[in-house]
Amino acid sequence: MLQMLFTLVLAVGLVAECQDRNPERSSAPPHSEEAIRQLKSVKPEDPVITVSGLCRDNEAKTGDSTACKTIVTREQFERLIAALKTAGQPVPENGLPQLAQAYVDLLAYEEAARPTADSPEFRDLMDLIRLRTLSEIHRRSLQAKYGTPSPQDIDAYYSQHIANFTDLKLHRILIPRRKPSTGDAGDYEKEALKVANDSRERAAQGADFDQLQRQAYAALGLPSPPGTDMGVRRITNLLPEVRGEILALSAGGLSKVEQEAYSFVIYRVDEKSVLPKEAVKDEISREISRERLERALKEITSGVHPEFNEQYFPPALPSNPPALAPTASQQGPKPMQE
């Protein structure tokens, strides 16, 4: 019978390992019709792997207690394949021979390392692997559950978040709030704000943005002014603190002088359009799935309240602790940073 240990070890990366070992076999053609016919003739209880020189627990199956063989039936081998698929490691059809050979190698290693299986370290490691595997299998089941939102869900999300699908063609004037190697940062920032306000007034009168940008840098003694054309940006790719104001502007509208972390910025909206639902349907589907998966994972851990012994653990836990359980990743659009 296949052991959980080997299933877990294989699930981590056995398929990739065995394909790297025999790359020329990984591109083998699929089964021919004759091969498929022969495969169907193999019964679940028929041996598909017979390992001579390895006794394990299968002597009785050989009919000769003096023979040293381990037999793996089709049913047992296909249960291994199913376990790998459950663990997120599906085996391609042309990878079965490599999988079989790698499994035989592991059986041989198990025999050699059998004394280690009784050690406390081994039992503790297997308990940790069990926890990680169970949590990963459950996470994958949740991903499958929430992976395909209904058309009604997509329609509702689009209607409720339609502002997030706004594309804007933008220009901006950007003036640094701090001057490198300056002796008095406070005086420079005051002067930079004054120049920004002056640029905003002149922009409202129709002055050219590129010219205003160059003149602002010259007035502050700064080299290499950046271009002002930002191209087309999704509203969600702008900093959260400026999105609302910019979204409210009509084409041709100017923002106030925005005080961002490192710069004074003036935005001008040149064009504004809302993407149709069909263009963002896949994006919405992924976002709904991500949100639902995240909520489900939080529900699992929300009722758990650990207390850490501060005499043993440092007061502040590491910012990036080892990942013992899966977490929902957040892959939303990142705000624009300067």
Protein backbone atom coordinates (compact mmCIF):
# COMPACT_ATOMS: atom_id res chain seq x y z
CA MET A 1 0.00 0.00 0.00
CA LEU A 2 1.34 3.47 -0.85
CA GLN A 3 2.53 5.34 2.22
CA MET A 4 1.63 8.94 3.06
CA LEU A 5 5.30 9.79 3.45
CA PHE A 6 6.06 9.16 -0.19
CA THR A 7 2.94 10.91 -1.38
CA LEU A 8 3.98 14.02 0.54
CA VAL A 9 7.55 13.92 -0.69
CA LEU A 10 6.44 13.41 -4.26
CA ALA A 11 3.86 16.19 -4.03
CA VAL A 12 6.52 18.78 -3.28
CA GLY A 13 8.25 18.43 -6.63
CA LEU A 14 8.83 14.91 -7.77
CA VAL A 15 7.45 15.38 -11.25
CA ALA A 16 9.77 18.28 -12.04
CA GLU A 17 12.69 16.35 -10.55
CA CYS A 18 12.15 13.25 -12.63
CA GLN A 19 11.57 15.25 -15.82
CA ASP A 20 14.83 17.14 -15.21
CA ARG A 21 16.53 13.79 -14.79
CA ASN A 22 15.28 12.58 -18.18
CA PRO A 23 14.46 15.67 -20.29
CA GLU A 24 14.42 13.74 -23.54
CA ARG A 25 11.53 11.62 -22.24
CA SER A 26 9.43 14.57 -21.13
CA SER A 27 8.62 15.38 -24.75
CA ALA A 28 7.53 11.87 -25.66
CA PRO A 29 4.41 11.65 -27.85
CA PRO A 30 1.10 10.63 -26.27
CA HIS A 31 -0.07 7.04 -26.24
CA SER A 32 -0.91 5.51 -29.59
CA GLU A 33 -4.22 3.74 -30.11
CA GLU A 34 -2.46 0.41 -29.60
CA ALA A 35 -0.92 1.62 -26.35
CA ILE A 36 -4.31 2.83 -25.14
CA ARG A 37 -5.82 -0.57 -25.94
CA GLN A 38 -3.08 -2.31 -23.99
CA LEU A 39 -3.52 0.10 -21.06
CA LYS A 40 -7.24 -0.71 -20.83
CA SER A 41 -6.40 -4.41 -20.59
CA VAL A 42 -4.47 -3.86 -17.33
CA LYS A 43 -6.81 -4.60 -14.40
CA PRO A 44 -6.73 -2.56 -11.17
CA GLU A 45 -5.20 -5.47 -9.26
CA ASP A 46 -2.54 -6.21 -11.88
CA PRO A 47 1.09 -5.32 -11.05
CA VAL A 48 2.46 -2.30 -12.90
CA ILE A 49 5.75 -2.11 -10.97
CA THR A 50 7.64 -5.12 -9.65
CA VAL A 51 10.77 -4.28 -7.67
CA SER A 52 13.16 -7.16 -7.19
CA GLY A 53 15.56 -6.94 -4.28
CA LEU A 54 13.18 -4.92 -2.11
CA CYS A 55 11.19 -6.91 0.44
CA ARG A 56 9.14 -4.28 2.23
CA ASP A 57 5.77 -5.82 3.28
CA ASN A 58 4.79 -7.56 0.06
CA GLU A 59 6.46 -10.98 0.28
CA ALA A 60 3.10 -12.73 0.60
CA LYS A 61 1.90 -11.30 -2.70
CA THR A 62 4.64 -13.06 -4.61
CA GLY A 63 3.58 -16.52 -3.37
CA ASP A 64 7.16 -17.17 -2.28
CA SER A 65 8.21 -15.94 1.13
CA THR A 66 11.88 -16.34 0.20
CA ALA A 67 11.58 -14.04 -2.79
CA CYS A 68 12.39 -10.39 -2.23
CA LYS A 69 9.97 -8.34 -4.28
CA THR A 70 7.74 -5.34 -3.84
CA ILE A 71 4.69 -5.11 -6.07
CA VAL A 72 2.73 -1.97 -6.91
CA THR A 73 -0.61 -2.53 -8.61
CA ARG A 74 -2.30 -0.26 -11.13
CA GLU A 75 -4.82 0.80 -8.49
CA GLN A 76 -2.05 1.77 -6.05
CA PHE A 77 -0.04 3.66 -8.68
CA GLU A 78 -3.09 5.58 -9.90
CA ARG A 79 -3.93 6.51 -6.32
CA LEU A 80 -0.47 8.06 -6.14
CA ILE A 81 -1.18 10.02 -9.35
CA ALA A 82 -4.50 11.20 -7.90
CA ALA A 83 -2.79 12.29 -4.68
CA LEU A 84 -0.25 14.32 -6.62
CA LYS A 85 -3.06 16.00 -8.57
CA THR A 86 -4.82 16.88 -5.32
CA ALA A 87 -1.59 18.42 -4.06
CA GLY A 88 -1.31 20.59 -7.17
CA GLN A 89 1.25 18.41 -9.00
CA PRO A 90 -0.64 16.82 -11.90
CA VAL A 91 1.45 14.27 -13.78
CA PRO A 92 1.45 14.60 -17.58
CA GLU A 93 0.83 11.44 -19.55
CA ASN A 94 4.39 11.36 -20.81
CA GLY A 95 5.71 11.75 -17.25
CA LEU A 96 4.44 8.39 -15.93
CA PRO A 97 7.65 6.43 -16.66
CA GLN A 98 9.76 9.04 -14.83
CA LEU A 99 7.31 9.04 -11.93
CA ALA A 100 7.48 5.25 -11.69
CA GLN A 101 11.29 5.22 -11.65
CA ALA A 102 11.46 8.04 -9.10
CA TYR A 103 9.00 6.16 -6.89
CA VAL A 104 11.15 3.03 -7.07
CA ASP A 105 14.17 5.11 -6.04
CA LEU A 106 12.25 6.42 -3.04
CA LEU A 107 11.27 2.90 -2.03
CA ALA A 108 14.93 1.95 -2.07
CA TYR A 109 15.87 4.97 0.04
CA GLU A 110 13.08 4.13 2.49
CA GLU A 111 14.53 0.68 3.03
CA ALA A 112 17.98 2.11 3.70
CA ALA A 113 16.65 4.83 6.02
CA ARG A 114 14.11 2.68 7.89
CA PRO A 115 15.86 3.07 11.30
CA THR A 116 15.41 6.84 11.03
CA ALA A 117 11.63 6.45 10.89
CA ASP A 118 11.54 5.68 14.62
CA SER A 119 13.35 8.88 15.62
CA PRO A 120 11.50 11.77 17.34
CA GLU A 121 12.91 14.18 14.74
CA PHE A 122 11.31 12.19 11.92
CA ARG A 123 7.94 12.05 13.67
CA ASP A 124 8.03 15.80 14.34
CA LEU A 125 8.92 16.54 10.73
CA MET A 126 6.11 14.30 9.46
CA ASP A 127 3.65 16.10 11.74
CA LEU A 128 4.71 19.45 10.28
CA ILE A 129 4.47 18.11 6.71
CA ARG A 130 1.03 16.72 7.52
CA LEU A 131 -0.17 20.11 8.77
CA ARG A 132 1.19 21.93 5.74
CA THR A 133 -0.25 19.40 3.32
CA LEU A 134 -3.71 19.43 4.89
CA SER A 135 -3.81 23.23 4.86
CA GLU A 136 -2.65 23.34 1.23
CA ILE A 137 -5.20 20.74 0.13
CA HIS A 138 -7.96 22.69 1.88
CA ARG A 139 -6.77 25.92 0.32
CA ARG A 140 -6.87 24.35 -3.13
CA SER A 141 -10.39 23.08 -2.47
CA LEU A 142 -11.43 26.64 -1.58
CA GLN A 143 -9.76 27.96 -4.73
CA ALA A 144 -11.77 25.48 -6.77
CA LYS A 145 -14.96 26.41 -4.91
CA TYR A 146 -14.58 30.14 -5.50
CA GLY A 147 -12.67 29.98 -8.79
CA THR A 148 -15.59 30.52 -11.18
CA PRO A 149 -17.92 33.38 -10.24
CA SER A 150 -21.29 33.38 -11.95
CA PRO A 151 -22.19 35.88 -14.71
CA GLN A 152 -24.55 37.49 -12.19
CA ASP A 153 -21.68 37.96 -9.74
CA ILE A 154 -19.59 39.59 -12.45
CA ASP A 155 -22.43 41.91 -13.49
CA ALA A 156 -23.01 42.98 -9.90
CA TYR A 157 -19.31 43.61 -9.24
CA TYR A 158 -18.95 45.69 -12.41
CA SER A 159 -21.96 47.83 -11.47
CA GLN A 160 -20.76 48.35 -7.90
CA HIS A 161 -17.13 49.14 -8.83
CA ILE A 162 -17.54 50.78 -12.22
CA ALA A 163 -15.34 53.72 -11.19
CA ASN A 164 -12.40 51.31 -10.84
CA PHE A 165 -12.56 50.61 -14.56
CA THR A 166 -12.01 54.21 -15.62
CA ASP A 167 -9.06 54.91 -17.92
CA LEU A 168 -7.55 58.40 -17.87
CA LYS A 169 -5.16 60.07 -20.30
CA LEU A 170 -3.12 62.33 -18.06
CA HIS A 171 -0.46 65.03 -17.99
CA ARG A 172 1.21 66.18 -14.82
CA ILE A 173 3.65 68.74 -13.50
CA LEU A 174 5.89 67.20 -10.85
CA ILE A 175 8.01 69.31 -8.49
CA PRO A 176 10.22 67.61 -5.86
CA ARG A 177 9.48 68.65 -2.27
CA ARG A 178 13.11 68.12 -1.27
CA LYS A 179 16.24 69.32 -3.02
CA PRO A 180 19.26 67.01 -2.93
CA SER A 181 22.21 68.31 -0.86
CA THR A 182 20.34 71.42 0.21
CA GLY A 183 21.40 73.25 3.32
CA ASP A 184 17.88 74.30 4.37
CA ALA A 185 15.20 71.81 3.36
CA GLY A 186 12.44 73.92 4.94
CA ASP A 187 13.17 77.01 2.81
CA TYR A 188 13.40 74.92 -0.33
CA GLU A 189 10.04 73.23 0.29
CA LYS A 190 8.35 76.59 0.81
CA GLU A 191 9.82 77.86 -2.46
CA ALA A 192 8.85 74.63 -4.26
CA LEU A 193 5.23 74.99 -3.08
CA LYS A 194 5.19 78.60 -4.27
CA VAL A 195 6.47 77.53 -7.71
CA ALA A 196 3.87 74.72 -7.81
CA ASN A 197 1.01 77.10 -7.02
CA ASP A 198 2.24 79.53 -9.69
CA SER A 199 2.47 76.68 -12.22
CA ARG A 200 -1.09 75.63 -11.33
CA GLU A 201 -2.42 79.16 -11.99
CA ARG A 202 -0.64 79.39 -15.34
CA ALA A 203 -1.81 75.88 -16.33
CA ALA A 204 -5.40 76.97 -15.66
CA GLN A 205 -4.82 79.82 -18.15
CA GLY A 206 -3.76 77.33 -20.82
CA ALA A 207 0.05 77.39 -20.55
CA ASP A 208 1.92 74.40 -22.01
CA PHE A 209 2.61 71.69 -19.41
CA ASP A 210 6.08 70.80 -20.73
CA GLN A 211 7.12 74.45 -20.67
CA LEU A 212 5.76 74.89 -17.14
CA GLN A 213 7.68 71.81 -16.00
CA ARG A 214 10.96 73.11 -17.44
CA GLN A 215 10.46 76.57 -16.00
CA ALA A 216 9.66 75.17 -12.54
CA TYR A 217 12.86 73.12 -12.49
CA ALA A 218 14.90 76.08 -13.70
CA ALA A 219 13.43 78.34 -11.02
CA LEU A 220 14.40 75.86 -8.31
CA GLY A 221 17.84 75.09 -9.75
CA LEU A 222 16.97 71.47 -10.50
CA PRO A 223 18.42 69.56 -13.47
CA SER A 224 16.71 67.20 -15.95
CA PRO A 225 12.97 67.92 -15.67
CA PRO A 226 10.79 64.85 -16.40
CA GLY A 227 8.25 64.69 -19.20
CA THR A 228 4.69 65.55 -18.36
CA ASP A 229 2.83 62.99 -20.51
CA MET A 230 1.72 60.07 -18.31
CA GLY A 231 -0.12 58.28 -21.08
CA VAL A 232 -3.23 56.29 -20.18
CA ARG A 233 -3.56 55.15 -16.57
CA ARG A 234 -6.23 53.15 -14.79
CA ILE A 235 -7.66 55.13 -11.90
CA THR A 236 -6.70 52.32 -9.48
CA ASN A 237 -3.04 52.78 -10.46
CA LEU A 238 -3.00 56.29 -9.00
CA LEU A 239 -2.29 57.00 -5.35
CA PRO A 240 -5.41 56.47 -3.20
CA GLU A 241 -5.30 60.01 -1.80
CA VAL A 242 -5.65 61.61 -5.25
CA ARG A 243 -8.04 59.17 -6.95
CA GLY A 244 -11.27 60.77 -5.80
CA GLU A 245 -10.41 64.28 -6.96
CA ILE A 246 -8.99 63.16 -10.31
CA LEU A 247 -11.94 60.86 -10.98
CA ALA A 248 -14.29 63.80 -10.42
CA LEU A 249 -12.56 65.93 -13.08
CA SER A 250 -13.93 66.20 -16.58
CA ALA A 251 -11.73 66.12 -19.67
CA GLY A 252 -9.49 69.20 -19.56
CA GLY A 253 -9.86 69.57 -15.79
CA LEU A 254 -6.95 70.40 -13.46
CA SER A 255 -6.35 69.04 -9.97
CA LYS A 256 -5.26 71.24 -7.10
CA VAL A 257 -1.58 71.10 -6.11
CA GLU A 258 -1.37 67.62 -4.60
CA GLN A 259 1.10 67.16 -1.74
CA GLU A 260 2.36 63.64 -2.27
CA ALA A 261 5.13 61.99 -0.26
CA TYR A 262 8.05 63.34 -2.29
CA SER A 263 6.53 65.78 -4.76
CA PHE A 264 4.04 68.55 -5.40
CA VAL A 265 1.97 67.35 -8.35
CA ILE A 266 -0.60 68.95 -10.65
CA TYR A 267 -2.69 66.59 -12.81
CA ARG A 268 -4.61 67.41 -15.98
CA VAL A 269 -7.19 64.98 -17.36
CA ASP A 270 -7.01 64.96 -21.18
CA GLU A 271 -9.41 62.08 -21.84
CA LYS A 272 -11.62 59.91 -19.70
CA SER A 273 -13.37 56.64 -20.53
CA VAL A 274 -14.96 53.67 -18.78
CA LEU A 275 -13.90 50.22 -19.97
CA PRO A 276 -16.78 47.99 -21.10
CA LYS A 277 -17.62 44.99 -18.96
CA GLU A 278 -16.50 42.49 -21.60
CA ALA A 279 -13.00 44.00 -21.59
CA VAL A 280 -12.57 43.48 -17.84
CA LYS A 281 -14.65 40.33 -17.29
CA ASP A 282 -11.64 38.09 -16.61
CA GLU A 283 -10.12 40.68 -14.29
CA ILE A 284 -13.36 40.90 -12.33
CA SER A 285 -13.60 37.12 -12.10
CA ARG A 286 -10.09 36.92 -10.63
CA GLU A 287 -10.81 39.71 -8.16
CA ILE A 288 -14.07 38.13 -6.95
CA SER A 289 -12.30 34.80 -6.50
CA ARG A 290 -9.44 36.45 -4.63
CA GLU A 291 -11.76 38.32 -2.27
CA ARG A 292 -13.85 35.25 -1.50
CA LEU A 293 -10.80 33.07 -0.92
CA GLU A 294 -9.30 35.70 1.36
CA ARG A 295 -12.51 35.91 3.41
CA ALA A 296 -12.69 32.12 3.71
CA LEU A 297 -9.09 31.90 4.91
CA LYS A 298 -9.62 34.70 7.43
CA GLU A 299 -12.68 32.91 8.81
CA ILE A 300 -10.49 29.88 9.52
CA THR A 301 -7.96 31.83 11.57
CA SER A 302 -10.18 34.56 13.06
CA GLY A 303 -11.23 32.40 16.01
CA VAL A 304 -7.66 31.47 16.90
CA HIS A 305 -5.97 33.75 19.45
CA PRO A 306 -2.42 32.70 20.34
CA GLU A 307 -0.48 33.95 23.34
CA PHE A 308 3.31 34.00 23.01
CA ASN A 309 5.63 33.68 25.98
CA GLU A 310 7.63 36.90 25.77
CA GLN A 311 10.38 35.38 27.90
CA TYR A 312 10.98 32.94 25.05
CA PHE A 313 9.93 34.94 21.99
CA PRO A 314 11.22 38.46 21.32
CA PRO A 315 8.62 41.20 21.93
CA ALA A 316 8.27 41.83 18.20
CA LEU A 317 7.75 38.74 16.08
CA PRO A 318 9.69 38.59 12.79
CA SER A 319 8.08 40.56 9.98
CA ASN A 320 8.48 37.61 7.61
CA PRO A 321 8.02 34.40 9.64
CA PRO A 322 8.43 31.00 7.94
CA ALA A 323 5.35 30.16 5.85
CA LEU A 324 3.97 27.12 7.64
CA ALA A 325 0.50 27.54 6.19
CA PRO A 326 -0.75 29.06 2.92
CA THR A 327 -1.94 32.63 2.85
CA ALA A 328 -4.07 34.45 0.33
CA SER A 329 -1.90 36.66 -1.79
CA GLN A 330 -3.13 40.08 -2.81
CA GLN A 331 -2.24 40.85 -6.39
CA GLY A 332 -4.23 43.97 -7.02
CA PRO A 333 -2.91 46.89 -9.04
CA LYS A 334 -0.13 48.77 -7.24
CA PRO A 335 -0.41 52.53 -6.67
CA MET A 336 1.89 54.67 -8.77
CA GLN A 337 4.97 55.71 -6.81
CA GLU A 338 7.40 58.47 -7.65
